[in-house]
Amino acid sequence: MVIARQPKRWAGLPIFALALALVAVVGSLSAINAGSEYLALERPPWAPPQWLFGPAWTVLYVMIAISGWLAWSARGRTPALGVYAAQLVLNAAWTPLFFGAERYGLAVAEIVVLWLAIVVNVVMFRRISRPAAWLLVPYLLWVTYAASLTVAIWRLN
């Protein structure tokens, strides 16, 4: 039985990678000028340099994709994957709100909902696969930092 499941397991990995690539594309299309917009904003002294966002999100997206794939591999479709999908949609929505629409207050509210969705996702994945849950922790920490940065930028601008 385990042998028959292995091909299915590996076949799912590209699907999770594609889902995260779509989230990244939505963000990048809505924020083509995000780098220059970010530099033009009044930022707190603890704000990261603009060049850091690309590498950080690349690593995080890989971890998020592997996390979802591990949870799916362990149990298949579960309510936890619904929460996973919801937090991906929320992730994709932040960039158009912040950079595309320049709705900083709305972006603050949205990132709080995103943060809560990630927390729920970590808790639900922990019951399915501890590695899947742990792979989301750096993402949760980054979104925590991003939320505080979003609030600071909203106040300064």
C-alpha atoms as a PDB file:
ATOM      1  CA  MET A   1       0.000   0.000   0.000  1.00  0.00           C
ATOM      2  CA  VAL A   2       2.808   2.437   0.834  1.00  0.00           C
ATOM      3  CA  ILE A   3       4.538   1.732  -2.487  1.00  0.00           C
ATOM      4  CA  ALA A   4       1.386   2.574  -4.449  1.00  0.00           C
ATOM      5  CA  ARG A   5       1.082   5.874  -2.570  1.00  0.00           C
ATOM      6  CA  GLN A   6       4.616   7.083  -3.342  1.00  0.00           C
ATOM      7  CA  PRO A   7       4.024   8.125  -6.991  1.00  0.00           C
ATOM      8  CA  LYS A   8       0.886  10.011  -5.947  1.00  0.00           C
ATOM      9  CA  ARG A   9       2.847  11.723  -3.206  1.00  0.00           C
ATOM     10  CA  TRP A  10       5.605  12.996  -5.475  1.00  0.00           C
ATOM     11  CA  ALA A  11       3.171  13.935  -8.237  1.00  0.00           C
ATOM     12  CA  GLY A  12       1.527  16.394  -5.848  1.00  0.00           C
ATOM     13  CA  LEU A  13       4.671  18.439  -5.198  1.00  0.00           C
ATOM     14  CA  PRO A  14       4.570  20.346  -8.517  1.00  0.00           C
ATOM     15  CA  ILE A  15       0.948  21.281  -7.832  1.00  0.00           C
ATOM     16  CA  PHE A  16       1.902  22.920  -4.543  1.00  0.00           C
ATOM     17  CA  ALA A  17       4.873  24.627  -6.194  1.00  0.00           C
ATOM     18  CA  LEU A  18       2.582  25.940  -8.952  1.00  0.00           C
ATOM     19  CA  ALA A  19       0.083  27.269  -6.381  1.00  0.00           C
ATOM     20  CA  LEU A  20       2.835  29.255  -4.656  1.00  0.00           C
ATOM     21  CA  ALA A  21       4.186  30.458  -7.994  1.00  0.00           C
ATOM     22  CA  LEU A  22       0.704  31.816  -8.780  1.00  0.00           C
ATOM     23  CA  VAL A  23       0.613  33.644  -5.437  1.00  0.00           C
ATOM     24  CA  ALA A  24       4.010  35.166  -6.240  1.00  0.00           C
ATOM     25  CA  VAL A  25       2.915  36.169  -9.750  1.00  0.00           C
ATOM     26  CA  VAL A  26      -0.230  37.889  -8.456  1.00  0.00           C
ATOM     27  CA  GLY A  27       1.904  39.852  -6.031  1.00  0.00           C
ATOM     28  CA  SER A  28       4.524  40.789  -8.590  1.00  0.00           C
ATOM     29  CA  LEU A  29       2.003  41.824 -11.260  1.00  0.00           C
ATOM     30  CA  SER A  30       0.219  44.116  -8.847  1.00  0.00           C
ATOM     31  CA  ALA A  31       3.452  45.653  -7.661  1.00  0.00           C
ATOM     32  CA  ILE A  32       5.647  46.112 -10.707  1.00  0.00           C
ATOM     33  CA  ASN A  33       6.966  49.372  -9.240  1.00  0.00           C
ATOM     34  CA  ALA A  34       6.962  48.128  -5.642  1.00  0.00           C
ATOM     35  CA  GLY A  35      10.712  48.594  -5.234  1.00  0.00           C
ATOM     36  CA  SER A  36      10.642  52.266  -6.125  1.00  0.00           C
ATOM     37  CA  GLU A  37       7.352  52.780  -4.234  1.00  0.00           C
ATOM     38  CA  TYR A  38       8.878  51.187  -1.132  1.00  0.00           C
ATOM     39  CA  LEU A  39      11.926  53.431  -1.356  1.00  0.00           C
ATOM     40  CA  ALA A  40       9.691  56.511  -1.722  1.00  0.00           C
ATOM     41  CA  LEU A  41       7.750  55.702   1.447  1.00  0.00           C
ATOM     42  CA  GLU A  42       8.615  57.108   4.839  1.00  0.00           C
ATOM     43  CA  ARG A  43       9.875  53.999   6.651  1.00  0.00           C
ATOM     44  CA  PRO A  44      10.905  53.266  10.230  1.00  0.00           C
ATOM     45  CA  PRO A  45      14.643  52.928  10.875  1.00  0.00           C
ATOM     46  CA  TRP A  46      14.251  49.167  11.387  1.00  0.00           C
ATOM     47  CA  ALA A  47      12.730  48.606   7.930  1.00  0.00           C
ATOM     48  CA  PRO A  48      14.636  46.069   5.829  1.00  0.00           C
ATOM     49  CA  PRO A  49      16.408  47.086   2.641  1.00  0.00           C
ATOM     50  CA  GLN A  50      14.307  46.728  -0.501  1.00  0.00           C
ATOM     51  CA  TRP A  51      16.561  44.016  -1.981  1.00  0.00           C
ATOM     52  CA  LEU A  52      15.820  41.639   0.929  1.00  0.00           C
ATOM     53  CA  PHE A  53      12.162  41.026   0.042  1.00  0.00           C
ATOM     54  CA  GLY A  54      12.773  38.947  -3.108  1.00  0.00           C
ATOM     55  CA  PRO A  55      15.168  36.427  -1.543  1.00  0.00           C
ATOM     56  CA  ALA A  56      13.157  36.236   1.692  1.00  0.00           C
ATOM     57  CA  TRP A  57       9.877  35.535  -0.101  1.00  0.00           C
ATOM     58  CA  THR A  58      11.514  33.026  -2.429  1.00  0.00           C
ATOM     59  CA  VAL A  59      12.731  30.957   0.525  1.00  0.00           C
ATOM     60  CA  LEU A  60       9.406  31.346   2.326  1.00  0.00           C
ATOM     61  CA  TYR A  61       7.373  30.311  -0.730  1.00  0.00           C
ATOM     62  CA  VAL A  62       9.470  27.160  -1.133  1.00  0.00           C
ATOM     63  CA  MET A  63       8.902  26.314   2.542  1.00  0.00           C
ATOM     64  CA  ILE A  64       5.162  27.043   2.289  1.00  0.00           C
ATOM     65  CA  ALA A  65       4.837  24.809  -0.791  1.00  0.00           C
ATOM     66  CA  ILE A  66       6.699  21.945   0.885  1.00  0.00           C
ATOM     67  CA  SER A  67       4.595  22.400   4.023  1.00  0.00           C
ATOM     68  CA  GLY A  68       1.329  22.069   2.124  1.00  0.00           C
ATOM     69  CA  TRP A  69       2.649  19.119   0.177  1.00  0.00           C
ATOM     70  CA  LEU A  70       3.742  17.330   3.375  1.00  0.00           C
ATOM     71  CA  ALA A  71       0.323  17.845   4.970  1.00  0.00           C
ATOM     72  CA  TRP A  72      -1.434  16.637   1.816  1.00  0.00           C
ATOM     73  CA  SER A  73       0.928  13.652   1.542  1.00  0.00           C
ATOM     74  CA  ALA A  74       0.197  12.656   5.113  1.00  0.00           C
ATOM     75  CA  ARG A  75      -3.607  12.818   5.007  1.00  0.00           C
ATOM     76  CA  GLY A  76      -4.857  13.964   1.608  1.00  0.00           C
ATOM     77  CA  ARG A  77      -7.562  16.611   1.481  1.00  0.00           C
ATOM     78  CA  THR A  78      -8.447  17.857   4.931  1.00  0.00           C
ATOM     79  CA  PRO A  79      -9.964  21.041   6.373  1.00  0.00           C
ATOM     80  CA  ALA A  80      -6.380  22.104   7.121  1.00  0.00           C
ATOM     81  CA  LEU A  81      -5.733  22.376   3.392  1.00  0.00           C
ATOM     82  CA  GLY A  82      -8.744  24.675   3.135  1.00  0.00           C
ATOM     83  CA  VAL A  83      -7.122  26.969   5.686  1.00  0.00           C
ATOM     84  CA  TYR A  84      -3.845  26.616   3.759  1.00  0.00           C
ATOM     85  CA  ALA A  85      -5.600  27.749   0.567  1.00  0.00           C
ATOM     86  CA  ALA A  86      -7.277  30.643   2.397  1.00  0.00           C
ATOM     87  CA  GLN A  87      -3.987  31.960   3.759  1.00  0.00           C
ATOM     88  CA  LEU A  88      -2.495  31.760   0.259  1.00  0.00           C
ATOM     89  CA  VAL A  89      -5.334  33.907  -1.080  1.00  0.00           C
ATOM     90  CA  LEU A  90      -4.808  36.358   1.774  1.00  0.00           C
ATOM     91  CA  ASN A  91      -1.080  36.387   1.057  1.00  0.00           C
ATOM     92  CA  ALA A  92      -1.743  37.204  -2.600  1.00  0.00           C
ATOM     93  CA  ALA A  93      -4.186  39.982  -1.658  1.00  0.00           C
ATOM     94  CA  TRP A  94      -1.821  42.000   0.530  1.00  0.00           C
ATOM     95  CA  THR A  95       0.491  43.297  -2.197  1.00  0.00           C
ATOM     96  CA  PRO A  96      -2.269  44.724  -4.429  1.00  0.00           C
ATOM     97  CA  LEU A  97      -3.806  46.423  -1.385  1.00  0.00           C
ATOM     98  CA  PHE A  98      -0.561  47.909  -0.137  1.00  0.00           C
ATOM     99  CA  PHE A  99       1.321  48.755  -3.326  1.00  0.00           C
ATOM    100  CA  GLY A 100      -1.317  48.676  -6.050  1.00  0.00           C
ATOM    101  CA  ALA A 101      -4.110  50.546  -4.239  1.00  0.00           C
ATOM    102  CA  GLU A 102      -1.938  52.234  -1.571  1.00  0.00           C
ATOM    103  CA  ARG A 103      -4.618  51.350   0.972  1.00  0.00           C
ATOM    104  CA  TYR A 104      -2.288  51.032   3.943  1.00  0.00           C
ATOM    105  CA  GLY A 105      -5.012  50.869   6.601  1.00  0.00           C
ATOM    106  CA  LEU A 106      -6.847  48.151   4.701  1.00  0.00           C
ATOM    107  CA  ALA A 107      -3.524  46.339   4.219  1.00  0.00           C
ATOM    108  CA  VAL A 108      -3.055  46.413   8.015  1.00  0.00           C
ATOM    109  CA  ALA A 109      -6.468  44.810   8.564  1.00  0.00           C
ATOM    110  CA  GLU A 110      -5.778  42.252   5.840  1.00  0.00           C
ATOM    111  CA  ILE A 111      -2.379  41.248   7.218  1.00  0.00           C
ATOM    112  CA  VAL A 112      -3.909  40.721  10.672  1.00  0.00           C
ATOM    113  CA  VAL A 113      -6.397  38.292   9.110  1.00  0.00           C
ATOM    114  CA  LEU A 114      -3.517  36.660   7.196  1.00  0.00           C
ATOM    115  CA  TRP A 115      -1.533  36.289  10.437  1.00  0.00           C
ATOM    116  CA  LEU A 116      -4.505  34.642  12.160  1.00  0.00           C
ATOM    117  CA  ALA A 117      -4.994  32.277   9.209  1.00  0.00           C
ATOM    118  CA  ILE A 118      -1.324  31.251   9.378  1.00  0.00           C
ATOM    119  CA  VAL A 119      -1.601  30.581  13.132  1.00  0.00           C
ATOM    120  CA  VAL A 120      -4.675  28.407  12.548  1.00  0.00           C
ATOM    121  CA  ASN A 121      -2.857  26.675   9.693  1.00  0.00           C
ATOM    122  CA  VAL A 122       0.163  25.901  11.887  1.00  0.00           C
ATOM    123  CA  VAL A 123      -2.076  24.463  14.613  1.00  0.00           C
ATOM    124  CA  MET A 124      -4.024  22.335  12.137  1.00  0.00           C
ATOM    125  CA  PHE A 125      -0.913  21.129  10.301  1.00  0.00           C
ATOM    126  CA  ARG A 126       0.708  20.196  13.623  1.00  0.00           C
ATOM    127  CA  ARG A 127      -1.995  17.551  14.081  1.00  0.00           C
ATOM    128  CA  ILE A 128      -1.206  16.148  10.633  1.00  0.00           C
ATOM    129  CA  SER A 129       2.551  16.613  10.199  1.00  0.00           C
ATOM    130  CA  ARG A 130       4.903  18.353  12.599  1.00  0.00           C
ATOM    131  CA  PRO A 131       7.434  19.124   9.822  1.00  0.00           C
ATOM    132  CA  ALA A 132       4.617  20.737   7.789  1.00  0.00           C
ATOM    133  CA  ALA A 133       3.729  22.914  10.782  1.00  0.00           C
ATOM    134  CA  TRP A 134       7.338  23.860  11.518  1.00  0.00           C
ATOM    135  CA  LEU A 135       7.916  24.866   7.899  1.00  0.00           C
ATOM    136  CA  LEU A 136       5.239  27.556   8.346  1.00  0.00           C
ATOM    137  CA  VAL A 137       6.845  29.086  11.448  1.00  0.00           C
ATOM    138  CA  PRO A 138       9.404  31.250   9.561  1.00  0.00           C
ATOM    139  CA  TYR A 139       6.519  32.479   7.394  1.00  0.00           C
ATOM    140  CA  LEU A 140       4.530  33.362  10.519  1.00  0.00           C
ATOM    141  CA  LEU A 141       7.535  35.218  11.950  1.00  0.00           C
ATOM    142  CA  TRP A 142       8.091  37.116   8.685  1.00  0.00           C
ATOM    143  CA  VAL A 143       4.401  38.071   8.479  1.00  0.00           C
ATOM    144  CA  THR A 144       4.566  39.226  12.105  1.00  0.00           C
ATOM    145  CA  TYR A 145       7.471  41.496  11.175  1.00  0.00           C
ATOM    146  CA  ALA A 146       5.717  42.575   7.956  1.00  0.00           C
ATOM    147  CA  ALA A 147       2.572  43.428   9.926  1.00  0.00           C
ATOM    148  CA  SER A 148       4.512  45.684  12.279  1.00  0.00           C
ATOM    149  CA  LEU A 149       6.221  47.284   9.279  1.00  0.00           C
ATOM    150  CA  THR A 150       2.861  47.785   7.572  1.00  0.00           C
ATOM    151  CA  VAL A 151       1.482  49.520  10.673  1.00  0.00           C
ATOM    152  CA  ALA A 152       4.573  51.721  10.926  1.00  0.00           C
ATOM    153  CA  ILE A 153       4.409  52.718   7.256  1.00  0.00           C
ATOM    154  CA  TRP A 154       0.687  53.429   7.541  1.00  0.00           C
ATOM    155  CA  ARG A 155       1.356  55.755  10.487  1.00  0.00           C
ATOM    156  CA  LEU A 156       4.288  57.491   8.804  1.00  0.00           C
ATOM    157  CA  ASN A 157       2.554  58.011   5.464  1.00  0.00           C
END
